[in-house]
PDB file of N, CA and C in Angstrom:
ATOM      1  N   MET A   1      85.109   5.034 -88.507  1.00  0.00           N
ATOM      2  CA  MET A   1      85.238   6.051 -89.531  1.00  0.00           C
ATOM      3  C   MET A   1      86.500   6.861 -89.237  1.00  0.00           C
ATOM      4  N   ASP A   2      87.469   6.728 -90.089  1.00  0.00           N
ATOM      5  CA  ASP A   2      88.722   7.457 -89.928  1.00  0.00           C
ATOM      6  C   ASP A   2      88.800   8.560 -90.974  1.00  0.00           C
ATOM      7  N   ILE A   3      88.989   9.782 -90.501  1.00  0.00           N
ATOM      8  CA  ILE A   3      89.167  10.914 -91.400  1.00  0.00           C
ATOM      9  C   ILE A   3      90.526  11.517 -91.084  1.00  0.00           C
ATOM     10  N   ASP A   4      91.340  11.638 -92.090  1.00  0.00           N
ATOM     11  CA  ASP A   4      92.653  12.256 -91.909  1.00  0.00           C
ATOM     12  C   ASP A   4      92.469  13.762 -92.067  1.00  0.00           C
ATOM     13  N   LEU A   5      92.344  14.459 -90.964  1.00  0.00           N
ATOM     14  CA  LEU A   5      92.081  15.889 -90.981  1.00  0.00           C
ATOM     15  C   LEU A   5      93.222  16.678 -91.606  1.00  0.00           C
ATOM     16  N   ASP A   6      94.417  16.153 -91.551  1.00  0.00           N
ATOM     17  CA  ASP A   6      95.577  16.854 -92.101  1.00  0.00           C
ATOM     18  C   ASP A   6      95.519  16.968 -93.617  1.00  0.00           C
ATOM     19  N   THR A   7      94.783  16.088 -94.262  1.00  0.00           N
ATOM     20  CA  THR A   7      94.716  16.107 -95.728  1.00  0.00           C
ATOM     21  C   THR A   7      93.581  16.984 -96.249  1.00  0.00           C
ATOM     22  N   LEU A   8      92.710  17.468 -95.364  1.00  0.00           N
ATOM     23  CA  LEU A   8      91.571  18.273 -95.796  1.00  0.00           C
ATOM     24  C   LEU A   8      91.963  19.746 -95.904  1.00  0.00           C
ATOM     25  N   SER A   9      91.317  20.416 -96.865  1.00  0.00           N
ATOM     26  CA  SER A   9      91.550  21.854 -97.020  1.00  0.00           C
ATOM     27  C   SER A   9      90.747  22.600 -95.954  1.00  0.00           C
ATOM     28  N   LYS A  10      91.034  23.891 -95.842  1.00  0.00           N
ATOM     29  CA  LYS A  10      90.309  24.714 -94.873  1.00  0.00           C
ATOM     30  C   LYS A  10      88.804  24.695 -95.167  1.00  0.00           C
ATOM     31  N   ASP A  11      88.425  24.820 -96.422  1.00  0.00           N
ATOM     32  CA  ASP A  11      87.003  24.787 -96.793  1.00  0.00           C
ATOM     33  C   ASP A  11      86.367  23.439 -96.456  1.00  0.00           C
ATOM     34  N   GLN A  12      87.108  22.359 -96.706  1.00  0.00           N
ATOM     35  CA  GLN A  12      86.585  21.034 -96.371  1.00  0.00           C
ATOM     36  C   GLN A  12      86.422  20.872 -94.858  1.00  0.00           C
ATOM     37  N   LEU A  13      87.357  21.406 -94.098  1.00  0.00           N
ATOM     38  CA  LEU A  13      87.249  21.340 -92.628  1.00  0.00           C
ATOM     39  C   LEU A  13      86.057  22.152 -92.129  1.00  0.00           C
ATOM     40  N   LYS A  14      85.842  23.331 -92.729  1.00  0.00           N
ATOM     41  CA  LYS A  14      84.684  24.148 -92.351  1.00  0.00           C
ATOM     42  C   LYS A  14      83.387  23.408 -92.662  1.00  0.00           C
ATOM     43  N   GLN A  15      83.339  22.766 -93.826  1.00  0.00           N
ATOM     44  CA  GLN A  15      82.137  22.014 -94.191  1.00  0.00           C
ATOM     45  C   GLN A  15      81.922  20.846 -93.243  1.00  0.00           C
ATOM     46  N   LEU A  16      83.005  20.159 -92.897  1.00  0.00           N
ATOM     47  CA  LEU A  16      82.919  19.049 -91.952  1.00  0.00           C
ATOM     48  C   LEU A  16      82.401  19.539 -90.601  1.00  0.00           C
ATOM     49  N   LYS A  17      82.913  20.677 -90.167  1.00  0.00           N
ATOM     50  CA  LYS A  17      82.464  21.261 -88.890  1.00  0.00           C
ATOM     51  C   LYS A  17      80.974  21.586 -88.947  1.00  0.00           C
ATOM     52  N   ALA A  18      80.517  22.181 -90.048  1.00  0.00           N
ATOM     53  CA  ALA A  18      79.097  22.507 -90.214  1.00  0.00           C
ATOM     54  C   ALA A  18      78.243  21.241 -90.205  1.00  0.00           C
ATOM     55  N   ASP A  19      78.723  20.208 -90.870  1.00  0.00           N
ATOM     56  CA  ASP A  19      77.992  18.937 -90.908  1.00  0.00           C
ATOM     57  C   ASP A  19      77.895  18.313 -89.520  1.00  0.00           C
ATOM     58  N   VAL A  20      78.983  18.392 -88.760  1.00  0.00           N
ATOM     59  CA  VAL A  20      78.985  17.844 -87.404  1.00  0.00           C
ATOM     60  C   VAL A  20      78.005  18.618 -86.522  1.00  0.00           C
ATOM     61  N   GLU A  21      78.015  19.951 -86.608  1.00  0.00           N
ATOM     62  CA  GLU A  21      77.089  20.774 -85.814  1.00  0.00           C
ATOM     63  C   GLU A  21      75.640  20.428 -86.156  1.00  0.00           C
ATOM     64  N   LYS A  22      75.363  20.259 -87.445  1.00  0.00           N
ATOM     65  CA  LYS A  22      74.004  19.908 -87.874  1.00  0.00           C
ATOM     66  C   LYS A  22      73.605  18.538 -87.330  1.00  0.00           C
ATOM     67  N   ALA A  23      74.519  17.590 -87.380  1.00  0.00           N
ATOM     68  CA  ALA A  23      74.236  16.245 -86.873  1.00  0.00           C
ATOM     69  C   ALA A  23      73.982  16.274 -85.369  1.00  0.00           C
ATOM     70  N   LEU A  24      74.764  17.083 -84.641  1.00  0.00           N
ATOM     71  CA  LEU A  24      74.571  17.182 -83.195  1.00  0.00           C
ATOM     72  C   LEU A  24      73.207  17.792 -82.854  1.00  0.00           C
ATOM     73  N   LYS A  25      72.807  18.819 -83.611  1.00  0.00           N
ATOM     74  CA  LYS A  25      71.492  19.427 -83.379  1.00  0.00           C
ATOM     75  C   LYS A  25      70.369  18.430 -83.664  1.00  0.00           C
ATOM     76  N   THR A  26      70.535  17.642 -84.704  1.00  0.00           N
ATOM     77  CA  THR A  26      69.538  16.632 -85.046  1.00  0.00           C
ATOM     78  C   THR A  26      69.422  15.597 -83.931  1.00  0.00           C
ATOM     79  N   ILE A  27      70.554  15.174 -83.412  1.00  0.00           N
ATOM     80  CA  ILE A  27      70.546  14.195 -82.313  1.00  0.00           C
ATOM     81  C   ILE A  27      69.868  14.780 -81.087  1.00  0.00           C
ATOM     82  N   ASP A  28      70.193  16.048 -80.752  1.00  0.00           N
ATOM     83  CA  ASP A  28      69.571  16.693 -79.592  1.00  0.00           C
ATOM     84  C   ASP A  28      68.063  16.806 -79.779  1.00  0.00           C
ATOM     85  N   ALA A  29      67.622  17.200 -80.965  1.00  0.00           N
ATOM     86  CA  ALA A  29      66.186  17.330 -81.229  1.00  0.00           C
ATOM     87  C   ALA A  29      65.490  15.983 -81.092  1.00  0.00           C
ATOM     88  N   ARG A  30      66.109  14.945 -81.607  1.00  0.00           N
ATOM     89  CA  ARG A  30      65.524  13.605 -81.523  1.00  0.00           C
ATOM     90  C   ARG A  30      65.444  13.145 -80.061  1.00  0.00           C
ATOM     91  N   ARG A  31      66.497  13.383 -79.298  1.00  0.00           N
ATOM     92  CA  ARG A  31      66.501  12.964 -77.889  1.00  0.00           C
ATOM     93  C   ARG A  31      65.473  13.739 -77.076  1.00  0.00           C
ATOM     94  N   LYS A  32      65.310  15.038 -77.371  1.00  0.00           N
ATOM     95  CA  LYS A  32      64.286  15.834 -76.675  1.00  0.00           C
ATOM     96  C   LYS A  32      62.891  15.311 -76.994  1.00  0.00           C
ATOM     97  N   ALA A  33      62.661  14.973 -78.246  1.00  0.00           N
ATOM     98  CA  ALA A  33      61.359  14.426 -78.641  1.00  0.00           C
ATOM     99  C   ALA A  33      61.111  13.098 -77.934  1.00  0.00           C
ATOM    100  N   ASP A  34      62.145  12.261 -77.845  1.00  0.00           N
ATOM    101  CA  ASP A  34      62.009  10.982 -77.132  1.00  0.00           C
ATOM    102  C   ASP A  34      61.708  11.214 -75.655  1.00  0.00           C
ATOM    103  N   ALA A  35      62.394  12.182 -75.055  1.00  0.00           N
ATOM    104  CA  ALA A  35      62.174  12.487 -73.634  1.00  0.00           C
ATOM    105  C   ALA A  35      60.761  13.003 -73.412  1.00  0.00           C
ATOM    106  N   LYS A  36      60.289  13.850 -74.319  1.00  0.00           N
ATOM    107  CA  LYS A  36      58.923  14.386 -74.184  1.00  0.00           C
ATOM    108  C   LYS A  36      57.894  13.271 -74.270  1.00  0.00           C
ATOM    109  N   ARG A  37      58.095  12.357 -75.218  1.00  0.00           N
ATOM    110  CA  ARG A  37      57.164  11.224 -75.326  1.00  0.00           C
ATOM    111  C   ARG A  37      57.176  10.381 -74.058  1.00  0.00           C
ATOM    112  N   ALA A  38      58.353  10.171 -73.480  1.00  0.00           N
ATOM    113  CA  ALA A  38      58.452   9.374 -72.256  1.00  0.00           C
ATOM    114  C   ALA A  38      57.746  10.067 -71.095  1.00  0.00           C
ATOM    115  N   VAL A  39      57.908  11.376 -70.995  1.00  0.00           N
ATOM    116  CA  VAL A  39      57.253  12.123 -69.917  1.00  0.00           C
ATOM    117  C   VAL A  39      55.743  12.111 -70.110  1.00  0.00           C
ATOM    118  N   GLU A  40      55.298  12.302 -71.355  1.00  0.00           N
ATOM    119  CA  GLU A  40      53.858  12.262 -71.628  1.00  0.00           C
ATOM    120  C   GLU A  40      53.274  10.894 -71.288  1.00  0.00           C
ATOM    121  N   GLN A  41      54.002   9.840 -71.612  1.00  0.00           N
ATOM    122  CA  GLN A  41      53.545   8.485 -71.298  1.00  0.00           C
ATOM    123  C   GLN A  41      53.476   8.274 -69.795  1.00  0.00           C
ATOM    124  N   ALA A  42      54.479   8.745 -69.066  1.00  0.00           N
ATOM    125  CA  ALA A  42      54.477   8.597 -67.605  1.00  0.00           C
ATOM    126  C   ALA A  42      53.303   9.354 -66.995  1.00  0.00           C
ATOM    127  N   ALA A  43      53.045  10.564 -67.467  1.00  0.00           N
ATOM    128  CA  ALA A  43      51.914  11.345 -66.956  1.00  0.00           C
ATOM    129  C   ALA A  43      50.606  10.634 -67.265  1.00  0.00           C
ATOM    130  N   LYS A  44      50.498  10.067 -68.466  1.00  0.00           N
ATOM    131  CA  LYS A  44      49.290   9.357 -68.891  1.00  0.00           C
ATOM    132  C   LYS A  44      49.029   8.145 -67.991  1.00  0.00           C
ATOM    133  N   GLU A  45      50.093   7.451 -67.587  1.00  0.00           N
ATOM    134  CA  GLU A  45      49.944   6.284 -66.717  1.00  0.00           C
ATOM    135  C   GLU A  45      49.330   6.663 -65.372  1.00  0.00           C
ATOM    136  N   TYR A  46      49.543   7.900 -64.947  1.00  0.00           N
ATOM    137  CA  TYR A  46      48.956   8.378 -63.696  1.00  0.00           C
ATOM    138  C   TYR A  46      47.638   9.108 -63.922  1.00  0.00           C
ATOM    139  N   GLY A  47      47.192   9.171 -65.167  1.00  0.00           N
ATOM    140  CA  GLY A  47      45.895   9.763 -65.474  1.00  0.00           C
ATOM    141  C   GLY A  47      45.931  11.266 -65.700  1.00  0.00           C
ATOM    142  N   PHE A  48      47.108  11.803 -66.047  1.00  0.00           N
ATOM    143  CA  PHE A  48      47.235  13.232 -66.283  1.00  0.00           C
ATOM    144  C   PHE A  48      47.816  13.489 -67.661  1.00  0.00           C
ATOM    145  N   SER A  49      47.612  14.719 -68.133  1.00  0.00           N
ATOM    146  CA  SER A  49      48.301  15.143 -69.350  1.00  0.00           C
ATOM    147  C   SER A  49      49.571  15.879 -68.925  1.00  0.00           C
ATOM    148  N   LEU A  50      50.488  16.036 -69.849  1.00  0.00           N
ATOM    149  CA  LEU A  50      51.723  16.747 -69.551  1.00  0.00           C
ATOM    150  C   LEU A  50      51.422  18.187 -69.145  1.00  0.00           C
ATOM    151  N   GLU A  51      50.448  18.814 -69.798  1.00  0.00           N
ATOM    152  CA  GLU A  51      50.070  20.185 -69.475  1.00  0.00           C
ATOM    153  C   GLU A  51      49.561  20.296 -68.039  1.00  0.00           C
ATOM    154  N   GLU A  52      48.779  19.304 -67.606  1.00  0.00           N
ATOM    155  CA  GLU A  52      48.271  19.322 -66.222  1.00  0.00           C
ATOM    156  C   GLU A  52      49.417  19.224 -65.221  1.00  0.00           C
ATOM    157  N   ILE A  53      50.392  18.424 -65.516  1.00  0.00           N
ATOM    158  CA  ILE A  53      51.544  18.268 -64.624  1.00  0.00           C
ATOM    159  C   ILE A  53      52.333  19.565 -64.555  1.00  0.00           C
ATOM    160  N   LEU A  54      52.591  20.163 -65.708  1.00  0.00           N
ATOM    161  CA  LEU A  54      53.368  21.397 -65.733  1.00  0.00           C
ATOM    162  C   LEU A  54      52.630  22.547 -65.070  1.00  0.00           C
ATOM    163  N   THR A  55      51.323  22.615 -65.249  1.00  0.00           N
ATOM    164  CA  THR A  55      50.528  23.668 -64.620  1.00  0.00           C
ATOM    165  C   THR A  55      50.496  23.490 -63.107  1.00  0.00           C
ATOM    166  N   ALA A  56      50.418  22.257 -62.644  1.00  0.00           N
ATOM    167  CA  ALA A  56      50.365  21.987 -61.212  1.00  0.00           C
ATOM    168  C   ALA A  56      51.671  22.347 -60.521  1.00  0.00           C
ATOM    169  N   ALA A  57      52.765  22.315 -61.271  1.00  0.00           N
ATOM    170  CA  ALA A  57      54.066  22.644 -60.680  1.00  0.00           C
ATOM    171  C   ALA A  57      54.133  24.112 -60.309  1.00  0.00           C
ATOM    172  N   GLY A  58      53.338  24.941 -60.950  1.00  0.00           N
ATOM    173  CA  GLY A  58      53.311  26.358 -60.644  1.00  0.00           C
ATOM    174  C   GLY A  58      54.525  27.083 -61.194  1.00  0.00           C
ATOM    175  N   PRO A  59      54.501  28.399 -61.053  1.00  0.00           N
ATOM    176  CA  PRO A  59      55.636  29.160 -61.566  1.00  0.00           C
ATOM    177  C   PRO A  59      56.880  28.921 -60.725  1.00  0.00           C
ATOM    178  N   LYS A  60      57.994  28.908 -61.386  1.00  0.00           N
ATOM    179  CA  LYS A  60      59.258  28.670 -60.697  1.00  0.00           C
ATOM    180  C   LYS A  60      59.626  29.900 -59.875  1.00  0.00           C
ATOM    181  N   GLY A  61      59.988  29.677 -58.636  1.00  0.00           N
ATOM    182  CA  GLY A  61      60.426  30.783 -57.800  1.00  0.00           C
ATOM    183  C   GLY A  61      59.324  31.777 -57.516  1.00  0.00           C
ATOM    184  N   SER A  62      58.183  31.315 -57.089  1.00  0.00           N
ATOM    185  CA  SER A  62      57.066  32.198 -56.813  1.00  0.00           C
ATOM    186  C   SER A  62      57.476  33.298 -55.848  1.00  0.00           C
ATOM    187  N   LYS A  63      57.030  34.508 -56.123  1.00  0.00           N
ATOM    188  CA  LYS A  63      57.407  35.661 -55.312  1.00  0.00           C
ATOM    189  C   LYS A  63      56.529  35.810 -54.085  1.00  0.00           C
ATOM    190  N   GLY A  64      55.445  35.090 -54.002  1.00  0.00           N
ATOM    191  CA  GLY A  64      54.535  35.212 -52.874  1.00  0.00           C
ATOM    192  C   GLY A  64      53.357  36.097 -53.228  1.00  0.00           C
ATOM    193  N   ALA A  65      52.416  36.143 -52.316  1.00  0.00           N
ATOM    194  CA  ALA A  65      51.202  36.918 -52.546  1.00  0.00           C
ATOM    195  C   ALA A  65      51.481  38.403 -52.317  1.00  0.00           C
ATOM    196  N   PRO A  66      50.921  39.271 -53.151  1.00  0.00           N
ATOM    197  CA  PRO A  66      51.115  40.698 -52.947  1.00  0.00           C
ATOM    198  C   PRO A  66      50.424  41.174 -51.672  1.00  0.00           C
ATOM    199  N   LYS A  67      51.075  42.070 -50.959  1.00  0.00           N
ATOM    200  CA  LYS A  67      50.519  42.630 -49.728  1.00  0.00           C
ATOM    201  C   LYS A  67      50.145  44.096 -49.884  1.00  0.00           C
ATOM    202  N   TYR A  68      50.722  44.745 -50.886  1.00  0.00           N
ATOM    203  CA  TYR A  68      50.506  46.175 -51.075  1.00  0.00           C
ATOM    204  C   TYR A  68      50.154  46.459 -52.522  1.00  0.00           C
ATOM    205  N   ALA A  69      49.292  47.467 -52.722  1.00  0.00           N
ATOM    206  CA  ALA A  69      48.899  47.859 -54.072  1.00  0.00           C
ATOM    207  C   ALA A  69      48.963  49.370 -54.193  1.00  0.00           C
ATOM    208  N   ASN A  70      49.284  49.826 -55.386  1.00  0.00           N
ATOM    209  CA  ASN A  70      49.335  51.247 -55.680  1.00  0.00           C
ATOM    210  C   ASN A  70      47.910  51.771 -55.766  1.00  0.00           C
ATOM    211  N   PRO A  71      47.527  52.731 -54.924  1.00  0.00           N
ATOM    212  CA  PRO A  71      46.162  53.263 -54.973  1.00  0.00           C
ATOM    213  C   PRO A  71      45.824  53.881 -56.333  1.00  0.00           C
ATOM    214  N   ALA A  72      46.820  54.436 -57.016  1.00  0.00           N
ATOM    215  CA  ALA A  72      46.580  55.060 -58.313  1.00  0.00           C
ATOM    216  C   ALA A  72      46.463  54.027 -59.431  1.00  0.00           C
ATOM    217  N   ASP A  73      47.069  52.863 -59.250  1.00  0.00           N
ATOM    218  CA  ASP A  73      47.031  51.796 -60.257  1.00  0.00           C
ATOM    219  C   ASP A  73      47.070  50.445 -59.550  1.00  0.00           C
ATOM    220  N   PRO A  74      45.903  49.874 -59.219  1.00  0.00           N
ATOM    221  CA  PRO A  74      45.852  48.619 -58.453  1.00  0.00           C
ATOM    222  C   PRO A  74      46.554  47.430 -59.117  1.00  0.00           C
ATOM    223  N   ASP A  75      46.883  47.544 -60.408  1.00  0.00           N
ATOM    224  CA  ASP A  75      47.619  46.461 -61.062  1.00  0.00           C
ATOM    225  C   ASP A  75      49.070  46.405 -60.596  1.00  0.00           C
ATOM    226  N   GLN A  76      49.563  47.504 -60.041  1.00  0.00           N
ATOM    227  CA  GLN A  76      50.923  47.538 -59.516  1.00  0.00           C
ATOM    228  C   GLN A  76      50.883  47.066 -58.065  1.00  0.00           C
ATOM    229  N   THR A  77      51.524  45.924 -57.817  1.00  0.00           N
ATOM    230  CA  THR A  77      51.526  45.361 -56.462  1.00  0.00           C
ATOM    231  C   THR A  77      52.948  45.084 -56.010  1.00  0.00           C
ATOM    232  N   TRP A  78      53.080  44.834 -54.707  1.00  0.00           N
ATOM    233  CA  TRP A  78      54.381  44.521 -54.116  1.00  0.00           C
ATOM    234  C   TRP A  78      54.147  43.533 -52.982  1.00  0.00           C
ATOM    235  N   THR A  79      55.025  42.554 -52.851  1.00  0.00           N
ATOM    236  CA  THR A  79      54.885  41.529 -51.819  1.00  0.00           C
ATOM    237  C   THR A  79      55.390  41.989 -50.464  1.00  0.00           C
ATOM    238  N   GLY A  80      56.126  43.098 -50.445  1.00  0.00           N
ATOM    239  CA  GLY A  80      56.718  43.552 -49.202  1.00  0.00           C
ATOM    240  C   GLY A  80      58.128  43.024 -49.020  1.00  0.00           C
ATOM    241  N   ARG A  81      58.578  42.233 -49.978  1.00  0.00           N
ATOM    242  CA  ARG A  81      59.933  41.680 -49.925  1.00  0.00           C
ATOM    243  C   ARG A  81      60.755  42.292 -51.041  1.00  0.00           C
ATOM    244  N   GLY A  82      62.025  42.416 -50.812  1.00  0.00           N
ATOM    245  CA  GLY A  82      62.905  42.967 -51.839  1.00  0.00           C
ATOM    246  C   GLY A  82      62.852  44.487 -51.861  1.00  0.00           C
ATOM    247  N   ARG A  83      63.439  45.026 -52.905  1.00  0.00           N
ATOM    248  CA  ARG A  83      63.511  46.474 -53.058  1.00  0.00           C
ATOM    249  C   ARG A  83      62.125  47.077 -53.236  1.00  0.00           C
ATOM    250  N   LYS A  84      61.886  48.220 -52.622  1.00  0.00           N
ATOM    251  CA  LYS A  84      60.584  48.880 -52.756  1.00  0.00           C
ATOM    252  C   LYS A  84      60.435  49.425 -54.168  1.00  0.00           C
ATOM    253  N   PRO A  85      59.288  49.206 -54.792  1.00  0.00           N
ATOM    254  CA  PRO A  85      59.047  49.802 -56.110  1.00  0.00           C
ATOM    255  C   PRO A  85      58.985  51.327 -55.993  1.00  0.00           C
ATOM    256  N   ASN A  86      59.193  52.004 -57.089  1.00  0.00           N
ATOM    257  CA  ASN A  86      59.180  53.472 -57.089  1.00  0.00           C
ATOM    258  C   ASN A  86      57.866  54.041 -56.569  1.00  0.00           C
ATOM    259  N   TRP A  87      56.752  53.390 -56.896  1.00  0.00           N
ATOM    260  CA  TRP A  87      55.471  53.922 -56.443  1.00  0.00           C
ATOM    261  C   TRP A  87      55.337  53.824 -54.924  1.00  0.00           C
ATOM    262  N   VAL A  88      55.951  52.833 -54.290  1.00  0.00           N
ATOM    263  CA  VAL A  88      55.935  52.715 -52.831  1.00  0.00           C
ATOM    264  C   VAL A  88      56.796  53.820 -52.232  1.00  0.00           C
ATOM    265  N   VAL A  89      57.973  54.027 -52.789  1.00  0.00           N
ATOM    266  CA  VAL A  89      58.862  55.073 -52.298  1.00  0.00           C
ATOM    267  C   VAL A  89      58.173  56.433 -52.390  1.00  0.00           C
ATOM    268  N   ALA A  90      57.528  56.704 -53.534  1.00  0.00           N
ATOM    269  CA  ALA A  90      56.839  57.984 -53.727  1.00  0.00           C
ATOM    270  C   ALA A  90      55.700  58.148 -52.727  1.00  0.00           C
ATOM    271  N   ALA A  91      54.961  57.084 -52.480  1.00  0.00           N
ATOM    272  CA  ALA A  91      53.846  57.161 -51.528  1.00  0.00           C
ATOM    273  C   ALA A  91      54.359  57.419 -50.115  1.00  0.00           C
ATOM    274  N   LEU A  92      55.435  56.753 -49.733  1.00  0.00           N
ATOM    275  CA  LEU A  92      56.000  56.960 -48.394  1.00  0.00           C
ATOM    276  C   LEU A  92      56.547  58.378 -48.248  1.00  0.00           C
ATOM    277  N   GLU A  93      57.165  58.895 -49.305  1.00  0.00           N
ATOM    278  CA  GLU A  93      57.691  60.265 -49.261  1.00  0.00           C
ATOM    279  C   GLU A  93      56.581  61.294 -49.192  1.00  0.00           C
ATOM    280  N   SER A  94      55.396  60.949 -49.710  1.00  0.00           N
ATOM    281  CA  SER A  94      54.274  61.888 -49.673  1.00  0.00           C
ATOM    282  C   SER A  94      53.504  61.811 -48.355  1.00  0.00           C
ATOM    283  N   GLY A  95      53.992  61.001 -47.413  1.00  0.00           N
ATOM    284  CA  GLY A  95      53.382  60.955 -46.094  1.00  0.00           C
ATOM    285  C   GLY A  95      52.498  59.746 -45.831  1.00  0.00           C
ATOM    286  N   LYS A  96      52.319  58.885 -46.815  1.00  0.00           N
ATOM    287  CA  LYS A  96      51.510  57.681 -46.593  1.00  0.00           C
ATOM    288  C   LYS A  96      52.346  56.639 -45.869  1.00  0.00           C
ATOM    289  N   SER A  97      51.656  55.702 -45.233  1.00  0.00           N
ATOM    290  CA  SER A  97      52.352  54.602 -44.571  1.00  0.00           C
ATOM    291  C   SER A  97      52.087  53.326 -45.360  1.00  0.00           C
ATOM    292  N   LEU A  98      52.848  52.278 -45.027  1.00  0.00           N
ATOM    293  CA  LEU A  98      52.610  51.000 -45.687  1.00  0.00           C
ATOM    294  C   LEU A  98      51.209  50.488 -45.394  1.00  0.00           C
ATOM    295  N   ASP A  99      50.679  50.796 -44.218  1.00  0.00           N
ATOM    296  CA  ASP A  99      49.314  50.383 -43.890  1.00  0.00           C
ATOM    297  C   ASP A  99      48.309  50.999 -44.860  1.00  0.00           C
ATOM    298  N   ASP A 100      48.594  52.224 -45.344  1.00  0.00           N
ATOM    299  CA  ASP A 100      47.709  52.869 -46.314  1.00  0.00           C
ATOM    300  C   ASP A 100      47.718  52.137 -47.655  1.00  0.00           C
ATOM    301  N   LEU A 101      48.800  51.435 -47.942  1.00  0.00           N
ATOM    302  CA  LEU A 101      48.933  50.742 -49.232  1.00  0.00           C
ATOM    303  C   LEU A 101      48.545  49.259 -49.140  1.00  0.00           C
ATOM    304  N   ALA A 102      48.268  48.785 -47.946  1.00  0.00           N
ATOM    305  CA  ALA A 102      47.965  47.361 -47.762  1.00  0.00           C
ATOM    306  C   ALA A 102      46.714  46.964 -48.527  1.00  0.00           C
ATOM    307  N   ILE A 103      46.763  45.754 -49.037  1.00  0.00           N
ATOM    308  CA  ILE A 103      45.602  45.224 -49.788  1.00  0.00           C
ATOM    309  C   ILE A 103      44.569  44.723 -48.804  1.00  0.00           C
TER     310      ILE A 103
END
C-alpha cells in the first residue's frame, strides 16, 4: 500500500493519522484478548481459573504485616518500616513508646 503523503491535504493527513491510531488500538485490543485467552487456557490445563492464579500471586510489593496500631483507631496500622505515620509521631511525643503501640 503506497500513499503519497505529499499529495494529501492537512485535513486528509489528520484523518489518516486518526485512522491509523484507531487501527493500532484495535490491534492492541485484539492481541490483549488473545493473550488473555491463552493465559486462561494455560491456567485451565493446570486445573485453575485465571482469578485463582491472580489471587494466589498476592498483592504486588507487599508491605509486610503490621506491628503497630493506633490505640485511638485500630484500623490505622504501621509495619515499623518507612516513615512513621503522624499518629505514631504524636503518640511518641505524648510519652508513649513503640511497645505501647505494638499489636
